[in-house]
């Protein structure tokens, strides 16, 4: 089942035959000269282990595609989730988003 199309690939739902567990497969096409850039995402994801970040289950690389298999994430947009679950208001959500964007920027400008 198709879940999402982004700038760099698509995300499809998949199921592990042995267990029936559902996962998400991010399929990223690449050309030979862009292989290192694509592999960088894999290297970052395999090193992340935190309860608030999706877990990478497996990865496959072919001559044309990188396929990242990750835990299946469902639910509504994070903004609505934060308001509903935590009972916080727009000002607090704005502050949280600013912190998350700052963190992402720091990670992007200071490679692991």
PDB file of N, CA and C in Angstrom:
ATOM      1  N   UNK A   1       0.828  -1.167   0.000  1.00  0.00           N
ATOM      2  CA  UNK A   1       0.000   0.000   0.000  1.00  0.00           C
ATOM      3  C   UNK A   1       0.880   1.241   0.000  1.00  0.00           C
ATOM      4  N   UNK A   2       0.567   2.180  -0.860  1.00  0.00           N
ATOM      5  CA  UNK A   2       1.291   3.437  -0.975  1.00  0.00           C
ATOM      6  C   UNK A   2       0.887   4.351   0.180  1.00  0.00           C
ATOM      7  N   UNK A   3       1.848   4.920   0.889  1.00  0.00           N
ATOM      8  CA  UNK A   3       1.546   5.798   2.011  1.00  0.00           C
ATOM      9  C   UNK A   3       1.868   7.255   1.729  1.00  0.00           C
ATOM     10  N   UNK A   4       3.012   7.514   1.057  1.00  0.00           N
ATOM     11  CA  UNK A   4       3.458   8.900   0.911  1.00  0.00           C
ATOM     12  C   UNK A   4       4.496   8.995  -0.201  1.00  0.00           C
ATOM     13  N   UNK A   5       4.451  10.085  -0.955  1.00  0.00           N
ATOM     14  CA  UNK A   5       5.481  10.381  -1.948  1.00  0.00           C
ATOM     15  C   UNK A   5       6.163  11.676  -1.534  1.00  0.00           C
ATOM     16  N   UNK A   6       7.469  11.599  -1.359  1.00  0.00           N
ATOM     17  CA  UNK A   6       8.238  12.778  -0.964  1.00  0.00           C
ATOM     18  C   UNK A   6       9.149  13.232  -2.087  1.00  0.00           C
ATOM     19  N   UNK A   7      10.014  14.161  -1.775  1.00  0.00           N
ATOM     20  CA  UNK A   7      10.940  14.709  -2.770  1.00  0.00           C
ATOM     21  C   UNK A   7      11.938  13.682  -3.254  1.00  0.00           C
ATOM     22  N   UNK A   8      12.344  12.770  -2.369  1.00  0.00           N
ATOM     23  CA  UNK A   8      13.435  11.856  -2.702  1.00  0.00           C
ATOM     24  C   UNK A   8      13.017  10.403  -2.855  1.00  0.00           C
ATOM     25  N   UNK A   9      11.754  10.100  -2.631  1.00  0.00           N
ATOM     26  CA  UNK A   9      11.335   8.715  -2.760  1.00  0.00           C
ATOM     27  C   UNK A   9       9.889   8.525  -2.345  1.00  0.00           C
ATOM     28  N   UNK A  10       9.522   7.269  -2.173  1.00  0.00           N
ATOM     29  CA  UNK A  10       8.163   6.941  -1.750  1.00  0.00           C
ATOM     30  C   UNK A  10       8.215   6.083  -0.494  1.00  0.00           C
ATOM     31  N   UNK A  11       7.110   6.100   0.235  1.00  0.00           N
ATOM     32  CA  UNK A  11       6.990   5.261   1.420  1.00  0.00           C
ATOM     33  C   UNK A  11       5.795   4.349   1.198  1.00  0.00           C
ATOM     34  N   UNK A  12       6.041   3.068   1.371  1.00  0.00           N
ATOM     35  CA  UNK A  12       4.996   2.061   1.207  1.00  0.00           C
ATOM     36  C   UNK A  12       4.888   1.239   2.483  1.00  0.00           C
ATOM     37  N   UNK A  13       3.689   0.744   2.707  1.00  0.00           N
ATOM     38  CA  UNK A  13       3.485  -0.158   3.830  1.00  0.00           C
ATOM     39  C   UNK A  13       3.907  -1.558   3.392  1.00  0.00           C
ATOM     40  N   UNK A  14       4.526  -2.302   4.287  1.00  0.00           N
ATOM     41  CA  UNK A  14       4.898  -3.680   3.968  1.00  0.00           C
ATOM     42  C   UNK A  14       4.691  -4.549   5.208  1.00  0.00           C
ATOM     43  N   UNK A  15       4.726  -5.849   5.008  1.00  0.00           N
ATOM     44  CA  UNK A  15       4.473  -6.779   6.103  1.00  0.00           C
ATOM     45  C   UNK A  15       5.537  -7.867   6.092  1.00  0.00           C
ATOM     46  N   UNK A  16       6.045  -8.187   7.252  1.00  0.00           N
ATOM     47  CA  UNK A  16       7.000  -9.275   7.403  1.00  0.00           C
ATOM     48  C   UNK A  16       6.223 -10.588   7.345  1.00  0.00           C
ATOM     49  N   UNK A  17       6.557 -11.424   6.380  1.00  0.00           N
ATOM     50  CA  UNK A  17       5.801 -12.666   6.183  1.00  0.00           C
ATOM     51  C   UNK A  17       5.844 -13.596   7.393  1.00  0.00           C
ATOM     52  N   UNK A  18       6.987 -13.714   8.014  1.00  0.00           N
ATOM     53  CA  UNK A  18       7.142 -14.661   9.120  1.00  0.00           C
ATOM     54  C   UNK A  18       6.313 -14.294  10.347  1.00  0.00           C
ATOM     55  N   UNK A  19       6.199 -12.981  10.619  1.00  0.00           N
ATOM     56  CA  UNK A  19       5.527 -12.556  11.852  1.00  0.00           C
ATOM     57  C   UNK A  19       4.214 -11.817  11.621  1.00  0.00           C
ATOM     58  N   UNK A  20       4.023 -11.305  10.412  1.00  0.00           N
ATOM     59  CA  UNK A  20       2.832 -10.506  10.132  1.00  0.00           C
ATOM     60  C   UNK A  20       2.951  -9.069  10.598  1.00  0.00           C
ATOM     61  N   UNK A  21       4.090  -8.691  11.155  1.00  0.00           N
ATOM     62  CA  UNK A  21       4.305  -7.312  11.616  1.00  0.00           C
ATOM     63  C   UNK A  21       4.321  -6.346  10.441  1.00  0.00           C
ATOM     64  N   UNK A  22       3.726  -5.175  10.653  1.00  0.00           N
ATOM     65  CA  UNK A  22       3.701  -4.148   9.603  1.00  0.00           C
ATOM     66  C   UNK A  22       4.892  -3.213   9.762  1.00  0.00           C
ATOM     67  N   UNK A  23       5.453  -2.834   8.630  1.00  0.00           N
ATOM     68  CA  UNK A  23       6.573  -1.905   8.589  1.00  0.00           C
ATOM     69  C   UNK A  23       6.326  -0.877   7.494  1.00  0.00           C
ATOM     70  N   UNK A  24       7.195   0.127   7.442  1.00  0.00           N
ATOM     71  CA  UNK A  24       7.193   1.098   6.354  1.00  0.00           C
ATOM     72  C   UNK A  24       8.481   0.903   5.573  1.00  0.00           C
ATOM     73  N   UNK A  25       8.364   0.948   4.252  1.00  0.00           N
ATOM     74  CA  UNK A  25       9.541   0.847   3.395  1.00  0.00           C
ATOM     75  C   UNK A  25       9.727   2.178   2.680  1.00  0.00           C
ATOM     76  N   UNK A  26      10.828   2.835   2.932  1.00  0.00           N
ATOM     77  CA  UNK A  26      11.160   4.059   2.207  1.00  0.00           C
ATOM     78  C   UNK A  26      12.049   3.642   1.049  1.00  0.00           C
ATOM     79  N   UNK A  27      11.591   3.902  -0.164  1.00  0.00           N
ATOM     80  CA  UNK A  27      12.301   3.481  -1.370  1.00  0.00           C
ATOM     81  C   UNK A  27      12.870   4.728  -2.038  1.00  0.00           C
ATOM     82  N   UNK A  28      14.188   4.802  -2.074  1.00  0.00           N
ATOM     83  CA  UNK A  28      14.865   5.985  -2.594  1.00  0.00           C
ATOM     84  C   UNK A  28      15.680   5.603  -3.826  1.00  0.00           C
ATOM     85  N   UNK A  29      15.278   6.099  -4.999  1.00  0.00           N
ATOM     86  CA  UNK A  29      16.086   5.832  -6.185  1.00  0.00           C
ATOM     87  C   UNK A  29      17.344   6.707  -6.169  1.00  0.00           C
ATOM     88  N   UNK A  30      18.399   6.207  -6.800  1.00  0.00           N
ATOM     89  CA  UNK A  30      19.628   7.004  -6.893  1.00  0.00           C
ATOM     90  C   UNK A  30      20.410   6.582  -8.125  1.00  0.00           C
ATOM     91  N   UNK A  31      21.324   7.439  -8.504  1.00  0.00           N
ATOM     92  CA  UNK A  31      22.253   7.118  -9.598  1.00  0.00           C
ATOM     93  C   UNK A  31      23.618   6.916  -8.979  1.00  0.00           C
ATOM     94  N   UNK A  32      24.500   6.276  -9.700  1.00  0.00           N
ATOM     95  CA  UNK A  32      25.816   5.888  -9.158  1.00  0.00           C
ATOM     96  C   UNK A  32      26.546   7.054  -8.496  1.00  0.00           C
ATOM     97  N   UNK A  33      26.500   8.236  -9.124  1.00  0.00           N
ATOM     98  CA  UNK A  33      27.242   9.371  -8.555  1.00  0.00           C
ATOM     99  C   UNK A  33      26.606   9.914  -7.273  1.00  0.00           C
ATOM    100  N   UNK A  34      25.354   9.557  -6.997  1.00  0.00           N
ATOM    101  CA  UNK A  34      24.684  10.007  -5.787  1.00  0.00           C
ATOM    102  C   UNK A  34      24.597   8.955  -4.696  1.00  0.00           C
ATOM    103  N   UNK A  35      25.264   7.836  -4.901  1.00  0.00           N
ATOM    104  CA  UNK A  35      25.155   6.720  -3.956  1.00  0.00           C
ATOM    105  C   UNK A  35      25.614   7.104  -2.550  1.00  0.00           C
ATOM    106  N   UNK A  36      26.701   7.828  -2.414  1.00  0.00           N
ATOM    107  CA  UNK A  36      27.222   8.198  -1.095  1.00  0.00           C
ATOM    108  C   UNK A  36      26.221   9.051  -0.320  1.00  0.00           C
ATOM    109  N   UNK A  37      25.536   9.971  -1.004  1.00  0.00           N
ATOM    110  CA  UNK A  37      24.548  10.812  -0.339  1.00  0.00           C
ATOM    111  C   UNK A  37      23.394   9.977   0.196  1.00  0.00           C
ATOM    112  N   UNK A  38      22.956   9.001  -0.582  1.00  0.00           N
ATOM    113  CA  UNK A  38      21.852   8.141  -0.181  1.00  0.00           C
ATOM    114  C   UNK A  38      22.275   7.257   0.990  1.00  0.00           C
ATOM    115  N   UNK A  39      23.475   6.739   0.947  1.00  0.00           N
ATOM    116  CA  UNK A  39      23.963   5.877   2.028  1.00  0.00           C
ATOM    117  C   UNK A  39      24.145   6.635   3.341  1.00  0.00           C
ATOM    118  N   UNK A  40      24.324   7.942   3.249  1.00  0.00           N
ATOM    119  CA  UNK A  40      24.493   8.749   4.455  1.00  0.00           C
ATOM    120  C   UNK A  40      23.222   8.686   5.321  1.00  0.00           C
ATOM    121  N   UNK A  41      22.051   8.715   4.692  1.00  0.00           N
ATOM    122  CA  UNK A  41      20.804   8.603   5.457  1.00  0.00           C
ATOM    123  C   UNK A  41      20.750   7.268   6.195  1.00  0.00           C
ATOM    124  N   UNK A  42      21.143   6.208   5.523  1.00  0.00           N
ATOM    125  CA  UNK A  42      21.163   4.882   6.147  1.00  0.00           C
ATOM    126  C   UNK A  42      22.115   4.863   7.345  1.00  0.00           C
ATOM    127  N   UNK A  43      23.296   5.417   7.175  1.00  0.00           N
ATOM    128  CA  UNK A  43      24.284   5.426   8.257  1.00  0.00           C
ATOM    129  C   UNK A  43      23.773   6.182   9.472  1.00  0.00           C
ATOM    130  N   UNK A  44      23.087   7.291   9.244  1.00  0.00           N
ATOM    131  CA  UNK A  44      22.541   8.077  10.356  1.00  0.00           C
ATOM    132  C   UNK A  44      21.435   7.305  11.055  1.00  0.00           C
ATOM    133  N   UNK A  45      20.501   6.754  10.280  1.00  0.00           N
ATOM    134  CA  UNK A  45      19.366   6.040  10.870  1.00  0.00           C
ATOM    135  C   UNK A  45      19.790   4.799  11.658  1.00  0.00           C
ATOM    136  N   UNK A  46      20.795   4.084  11.166  1.00  0.00           N
ATOM    137  CA  UNK A  46      21.190   2.863  11.886  1.00  0.00           C
ATOM    138  C   UNK A  46      21.880   3.189  13.205  1.00  0.00           C
ATOM    139  N   UNK A  47      22.364   4.408  13.359  1.00  0.00           N
ATOM    140  CA  UNK A  47      23.013   4.796  14.608  1.00  0.00           C
ATOM    141  C   UNK A  47      22.084   5.438  15.619  1.00  0.00           C
ATOM    142  N   UNK A  48      20.832   5.703  15.223  1.00  0.00           N
ATOM    143  CA  UNK A  48      19.891   6.354  16.130  1.00  0.00           C
ATOM    144  C   UNK A  48      19.084   5.316  16.897  1.00  0.00           C
ATOM    145  N   UNK A  49      19.085   5.449  18.199  1.00  0.00           N
ATOM    146  CA  UNK A  49      18.314   4.546  19.049  1.00  0.00           C
ATOM    147  C   UNK A  49      17.683   5.368  20.161  1.00  0.00           C
ATOM    148  N   UNK A  50      16.416   5.750  19.947  1.00  0.00           N
ATOM    149  CA  UNK A  50      15.704   6.546  20.933  1.00  0.00           C
ATOM    150  C   UNK A  50      14.226   6.237  20.814  1.00  0.00           C
ATOM    151  N   UNK A  51      13.529   6.244  21.930  1.00  0.00           N
ATOM    152  CA  UNK A  51      12.111   5.883  21.924  1.00  0.00           C
ATOM    153  C   UNK A  51      11.252   6.845  21.114  1.00  0.00           C
ATOM    154  N   UNK A  52      11.725   8.050  20.869  1.00  0.00           N
ATOM    155  CA  UNK A  52      10.940   9.043  20.120  1.00  0.00           C
ATOM    156  C   UNK A  52      11.311   9.095  18.640  1.00  0.00           C
ATOM    157  N   UNK A  53      12.222   8.246  18.214  1.00  0.00           N
ATOM    158  CA  UNK A  53      12.644   8.218  16.812  1.00  0.00           C
ATOM    159  C   UNK A  53      12.354   6.831  16.255  1.00  0.00           C
ATOM    160  N   UNK A  54      11.784   6.802  15.046  1.00  0.00           N
ATOM    161  CA  UNK A  54      11.451   5.503  14.460  1.00  0.00           C
ATOM    162  C   UNK A  54      12.699   4.630  14.376  1.00  0.00           C
ATOM    163  N   UNK A  55      12.499   3.347  14.535  1.00  0.00           N
ATOM    164  CA  UNK A  55      13.594   2.389  14.534  1.00  0.00           C
ATOM    165  C   UNK A  55      13.782   1.780  13.157  1.00  0.00           C
ATOM    166  N   UNK A  56      15.010   1.786  12.686  1.00  0.00           N
ATOM    167  CA  UNK A  56      15.339   1.143  11.423  1.00  0.00           C
ATOM    168  C   UNK A  56      15.396  -0.360  11.659  1.00  0.00           C
ATOM    169  N   UNK A  57      14.637  -1.108  10.888  1.00  0.00           N
ATOM    170  CA  UNK A  57      14.562  -2.564  11.054  1.00  0.00           C
ATOM    171  C   UNK A  57      15.573  -3.267  10.146  1.00  0.00           C
ATOM    172  N   UNK A  58      15.566  -2.907   8.869  1.00  0.00           N
ATOM    173  CA  UNK A  58      16.486  -3.488   7.889  1.00  0.00           C
ATOM    174  C   UNK A  58      16.743  -2.466   6.793  1.00  0.00           C
ATOM    175  N   UNK A  59      17.741  -2.742   5.967  1.00  0.00           N
ATOM    176  CA  UNK A  59      18.011  -1.902   4.800  1.00  0.00           C
ATOM    177  C   UNK A  59      18.531  -2.783   3.672  1.00  0.00           C
ATOM    178  N   UNK A  60      18.125  -2.438   2.475  1.00  0.00           N
ATOM    179  CA  UNK A  60      18.573  -3.157   1.284  1.00  0.00           C
ATOM    180  C   UNK A  60      19.063  -2.136   0.279  1.00  0.00           C
ATOM    181  N   UNK A  61      20.150  -2.467  -0.381  1.00  0.00           N
ATOM    182  CA  UNK A  61      20.651  -1.584  -1.429  1.00  0.00           C
ATOM    183  C   UNK A  61      20.796  -2.387  -2.713  1.00  0.00           C
ATOM    184  N   UNK A  62      20.283  -1.814  -3.790  1.00  0.00           N
ATOM    185  CA  UNK A  62      20.415  -2.411  -5.110  1.00  0.00           C
ATOM    186  C   UNK A  62      21.189  -1.418  -5.959  1.00  0.00           C
ATOM    187  N   UNK A  63      21.534  -1.760  -7.179  1.00  0.00           N
ATOM    188  CA  UNK A  63      22.253  -0.796  -8.015  1.00  0.00           C
ATOM    189  C   UNK A  63      21.465   0.492  -8.298  1.00  0.00           C
ATOM    190  N   UNK A  64      20.140   0.483  -8.073  1.00  0.00           N
ATOM    191  CA  UNK A  64      19.330   1.673  -8.374  1.00  0.00           C
ATOM    192  C   UNK A  64      18.524   2.207  -7.203  1.00  0.00           C
ATOM    193  N   UNK A  65      18.383   1.428  -6.120  1.00  0.00           N
ATOM    194  CA  UNK A  65      17.514   1.842  -5.017  1.00  0.00           C
ATOM    195  C   UNK A  65      18.122   1.543  -3.653  1.00  0.00           C
ATOM    196  N   UNK A  66      17.803   2.417  -2.701  1.00  0.00           N
ATOM    197  CA  UNK A  66      18.033   2.139  -1.293  1.00  0.00           C
ATOM    198  C   UNK A  66      16.643   1.928  -0.698  1.00  0.00           C
ATOM    199  N   UNK A  67      16.453   0.825   0.006  1.00  0.00           N
ATOM    200  CA  UNK A  67      15.174   0.525   0.640  1.00  0.00           C
ATOM    201  C   UNK A  67      15.415   0.444   2.141  1.00  0.00           C
ATOM    202  N   UNK A  68      14.803   1.356   2.869  1.00  0.00           N
ATOM    203  CA  UNK A  68      14.928   1.393   4.321  1.00  0.00           C
ATOM    204  C   UNK A  68      13.634   0.859   4.922  1.00  0.00           C
ATOM    205  N   UNK A  69      13.730  -0.188   5.715  1.00  0.00           N
ATOM    206  CA  UNK A  69      12.566  -0.783   6.368  1.00  0.00           C
ATOM    207  C   UNK A  69      12.566  -0.309   7.813  1.00  0.00           C
ATOM    208  N   UNK A  70      11.510   0.402   8.193  1.00  0.00           N
ATOM    209  CA  UNK A  70      11.434   0.969   9.541  1.00  0.00           C
ATOM    210  C   UNK A  70      10.111   0.601  10.188  1.00  0.00           C
ATOM    211  N   UNK A  71      10.052   0.803  11.495  1.00  0.00           N
ATOM    212  CA  UNK A  71       8.812   0.515  12.205  1.00  0.00           C
ATOM    213  C   UNK A  71       7.669   1.320  11.596  1.00  0.00           C
ATOM    214  N   UNK A  72       6.489   0.768  11.650  1.00  0.00           N
ATOM    215  CA  UNK A  72       5.311   1.407  11.071  1.00  0.00           C
ATOM    216  C   UNK A  72       4.819   2.498  12.016  1.00  0.00           C
ATOM    217  N   UNK A  73       4.728   3.712  11.505  1.00  0.00           N
ATOM    218  CA  UNK A  73       4.260   4.841  12.304  1.00  0.00           C
ATOM    219  C   UNK A  73       2.879   5.246  11.802  1.00  0.00           C
ATOM    220  N   UNK A  74       1.942   5.320  12.686  1.00  0.00           N
ATOM    221  CA  UNK A  74       0.592   5.715  12.308  1.00  0.00           C
ATOM    222  C   UNK A  74       0.149   6.872  13.169  1.00  0.00           C
ATOM    223  N   UNK A  75      -0.965   7.432  12.812  1.00  0.00           N
ATOM    224  CA  UNK A  75      -1.549   8.481  13.643  1.00  0.00           C
ATOM    225  C   UNK A  75      -1.641   9.792  12.913  1.00  0.00           C
ATOM    226  N   UNK A  76      -2.086  10.766  13.660  1.00  0.00           N
ATOM    227  CA  UNK A  76      -2.297  12.075  13.072  1.00  0.00           C
ATOM    228  C   UNK A  76      -1.021  12.894  13.094  1.00  0.00           C
ATOM    229  N   UNK A  77      -1.122  14.074  12.536  1.00  0.00           N
ATOM    230  CA  UNK A  77       0.043  14.941  12.490  1.00  0.00           C
ATOM    231  C   UNK A  77       0.526  15.253  13.897  1.00  0.00           C
ATOM    232  N   UNK A  78       1.808  15.465  14.018  1.00  0.00           N
ATOM    233  CA  UNK A  78       2.426  15.649  15.334  1.00  0.00           C
ATOM    234  C   UNK A  78       1.842  16.848  16.072  1.00  0.00           C
ATOM    235  N   UNK A  79       1.515  17.901  15.355  1.00  0.00           N
ATOM    236  CA  UNK A  79       0.973  19.091  15.998  1.00  0.00           C
ATOM    237  C   UNK A  79      -0.298  18.764  16.771  1.00  0.00           C
ATOM    238  N   UNK A  80      -1.230  18.055  16.127  1.00  0.00           N
ATOM    239  CA  UNK A  80      -2.482  17.695  16.774  1.00  0.00           C
ATOM    240  C   UNK A  80      -2.244  16.689  17.890  1.00  0.00           C
ATOM    241  N   UNK A  81      -1.278  15.810  17.685  1.00  0.00           N
ATOM    242  CA  UNK A  81      -0.940  14.827  18.706  1.00  0.00           C
ATOM    243  C   UNK A  81      -0.444  15.521  19.974  1.00  0.00           C
ATOM    244  N   UNK A  82       0.413  16.505  19.808  1.00  0.00           N
ATOM    245  CA  UNK A  82       0.946  17.217  20.968  1.00  0.00           C
ATOM    246  C   UNK A  82      -0.154  17.935  21.744  1.00  0.00           C
ATOM    247  N   UNK A  83      -1.065  18.572  21.017  1.00  0.00           N
ATOM    248  CA  UNK A  83      -2.149  19.287  21.667  1.00  0.00           C
ATOM    249  C   UNK A  83      -3.059  18.310  22.405  1.00  0.00           C
ATOM    250  N   UNK A  84      -3.448  17.209  21.721  1.00  0.00           N
ATOM    251  CA  UNK A  84      -4.357  16.235  22.329  1.00  0.00           C
ATOM    252  C   UNK A  84      -3.717  15.489  23.498  1.00  0.00           C
ATOM    253  N   UNK A  85      -2.535  14.981  23.282  1.00  0.00           N
ATOM    254  CA  UNK A  85      -1.912  14.106  24.279  1.00  0.00           C
ATOM    255  C   UNK A  85      -1.381  14.877  25.475  1.00  0.00           C
ATOM    256  N   UNK A  86      -0.734  15.975  25.195  1.00  0.00           N
ATOM    257  CA  UNK A  86      -0.084  16.704  26.271  1.00  0.00           C
ATOM    258  C   UNK A  86      -0.903  17.877  26.786  1.00  0.00           C
ATOM    259  N   UNK A  87      -1.973  18.232  26.080  1.00  0.00           N
ATOM    260  CA  UNK A  87      -2.810  19.342  26.510  1.00  0.00           C
ATOM    261  C   UNK A  87      -2.093  20.678  26.454  1.00  0.00           C
ATOM    262  N   UNK A  88      -1.141  20.799  25.550  1.00  0.00           N
ATOM    263  CA  UNK A  88      -0.403  22.060  25.459  1.00  0.00           C
ATOM    264  C   UNK A  88      -1.033  22.961  24.407  1.00  0.00           C
ATOM    265  N   UNK A  89      -0.742  24.223  24.492  1.00  0.00           N
ATOM    266  CA  UNK A  89      -1.343  25.215  23.611  1.00  0.00           C
ATOM    267  C   UNK A  89      -0.401  25.615  22.490  1.00  0.00           C
ATOM    268  N   UNK A  90      -0.928  26.383  21.558  1.00  0.00           N
ATOM    269  CA  UNK A  90      -0.198  26.746  20.354  1.00  0.00           C
ATOM    270  C   UNK A  90       1.161  27.379  20.657  1.00  0.00           C
ATOM    271  N   UNK A  91       1.231  28.244  21.641  1.00  0.00           N
ATOM    272  CA  UNK A  91       2.503  28.897  21.974  1.00  0.00           C
ATOM    273  C   UNK A  91       3.560  27.871  22.372  1.00  0.00           C
ATOM    274  N   UNK A  92       3.150  26.874  23.152  1.00  0.00           N
ATOM    275  CA  UNK A  92       4.093  25.833  23.578  1.00  0.00           C
ATOM    276  C   UNK A  92       4.506  24.959  22.397  1.00  0.00           C
ATOM    277  N   UNK A  93       3.524  24.643  21.517  1.00  0.00           N
ATOM    278  CA  UNK A  93       3.834  23.857  20.324  1.00  0.00           C
ATOM    279  C   UNK A  93       4.834  24.612  19.457  1.00  0.00           C
ATOM    280  N   UNK A  94       4.640  25.914  19.314  1.00  0.00           N
ATOM    281  CA  UNK A  94       5.559  26.745  18.534  1.00  0.00           C
ATOM    282  C   UNK A  94       6.979  26.673  19.117  1.00  0.00           C
ATOM    283  N   UNK A  95       7.077  26.734  20.435  1.00  0.00           N
ATOM    284  CA  UNK A  95       8.377  26.634  21.108  1.00  0.00           C
ATOM    285  C   UNK A  95       9.017  25.265  20.864  1.00  0.00           C
ATOM    286  N   UNK A  96       8.208  24.192  20.955  1.00  0.00           N
ATOM    287  CA  UNK A  96       8.723  22.843  20.705  1.00  0.00           C
ATOM    288  C   UNK A  96       9.228  22.705  19.275  1.00  0.00           C
ATOM    289  N   UNK A  97       8.456  23.223  18.319  1.00  0.00           N
ATOM    290  CA  UNK A  97       8.879  23.164  16.913  1.00  0.00           C
ATOM    291  C   UNK A  97      10.197  23.905  16.714  1.00  0.00           C
ATOM    292  N   UNK A  98      10.324  25.062  17.338  1.00  0.00           N
ATOM    293  CA  UNK A  98      11.571  25.833  17.223  1.00  0.00           C
ATOM    294  C   UNK A  98      12.740  25.012  17.757  1.00  0.00           C
ATOM    295  N   UNK A  99      12.542  24.340  18.883  1.00  0.00           N
ATOM    296  CA  UNK A  99      13.600  23.505  19.457  1.00  0.00           C
ATOM    297  C   UNK A  99      13.948  22.336  18.533  1.00  0.00           C
ATOM    298  N   UNK A 100      12.909  21.702  17.952  1.00  0.00           N
ATOM    299  CA  UNK A 100      13.167  20.575  17.043  1.00  0.00           C
ATOM    300  C   UNK A 100      13.907  21.033  15.792  1.00  0.00           C
ATOM    301  N   UNK A 101      13.511  22.167  15.243  1.00  0.00           N
ATOM    302  CA  UNK A 101      14.172  22.672  14.030  1.00  0.00           C
ATOM    303  C   UNK A 101      15.615  23.047  14.349  1.00  0.00           C
ATOM    304  N   UNK A 102      15.833  23.666  15.496  1.00  0.00           N
ATOM    305  CA  UNK A 102      17.197  24.015  15.903  1.00  0.00           C
ATOM    306  C   UNK A 102      18.048  22.759  16.053  1.00  0.00           C
ATOM    307  N   UNK A 103      17.481  21.722  16.651  1.00  0.00           N
ATOM    308  CA  UNK A 103      18.196  20.456  16.818  1.00  0.00           C
ATOM    309  C   UNK A 103      18.542  19.852  15.464  1.00  0.00           C
ATOM    310  N   UNK A 104      17.585  19.845  14.554  1.00  0.00           N
ATOM    311  CA  UNK A 104      17.836  19.317  13.205  1.00  0.00           C
ATOM    312  C   UNK A 104      18.937  20.109  12.511  1.00  0.00           C
ATOM    313  N   UNK A 105      18.896  21.426  12.646  1.00  0.00           N
ATOM    314  CA  UNK A 105      19.917  22.265  12.030  1.00  0.00           C
ATOM    315  C   UNK A 105      21.293  21.945  12.620  1.00  0.00           C
ATOM    316  N   UNK A 106      21.355  21.776  13.936  1.00  0.00           N
ATOM    317  CA  UNK A 106      22.631  21.444  14.572  1.00  0.00           C
ATOM    318  C   UNK A 106      23.148  20.096  14.093  1.00  0.00           C
ATOM    319  N   UNK A 107      22.262  19.120  13.964  1.00  0.00           N
ATOM    320  CA  UNK A 107      22.675  17.805  13.460  1.00  0.00           C
ATOM    321  C   UNK A 107      23.161  17.891  12.022  1.00  0.00           C
ATOM    322  N   UNK A 108      22.482  18.705  11.221  1.00  0.00           N
ATOM    323  CA  UNK A 108      22.854  18.822   9.807  1.00  0.00           C
ATOM    324  C   UNK A 108      24.181  19.560   9.622  1.00  0.00           C
ATOM    325  N   UNK A 109      24.458  20.529  10.472  1.00  0.00           N
ATOM    326  CA  UNK A 109      25.681  21.312  10.319  1.00  0.00           C
ATOM    327  C   UNK A 109      26.870  20.732  11.095  1.00  0.00           C
ATOM    328  N   UNK A 110      26.594  19.766  11.957  1.00  0.00           N
ATOM    329  CA  UNK A 110      27.655  19.099  12.734  1.00  0.00           C
ATOM    330  C   UNK A 110      27.493  17.600  12.580  1.00  0.00           C
ATOM    331  N   UNK A 111      27.942  17.041  11.454  1.00  0.00           N
ATOM    332  CA  UNK A 111      27.724  15.606  11.195  1.00  0.00           C
ATOM    333  C   UNK A 111      28.203  14.728  12.349  1.00  0.00           C
ATOM    334  N   UNK A 112      27.493  13.597  12.510  1.00  0.00           N
ATOM    335  CA  UNK A 112      27.835  12.656  13.590  1.00  0.00           C
ATOM    336  C   UNK A 112      29.183  12.029  13.359  1.00  0.00           C
TER     337      UNK A 112
END
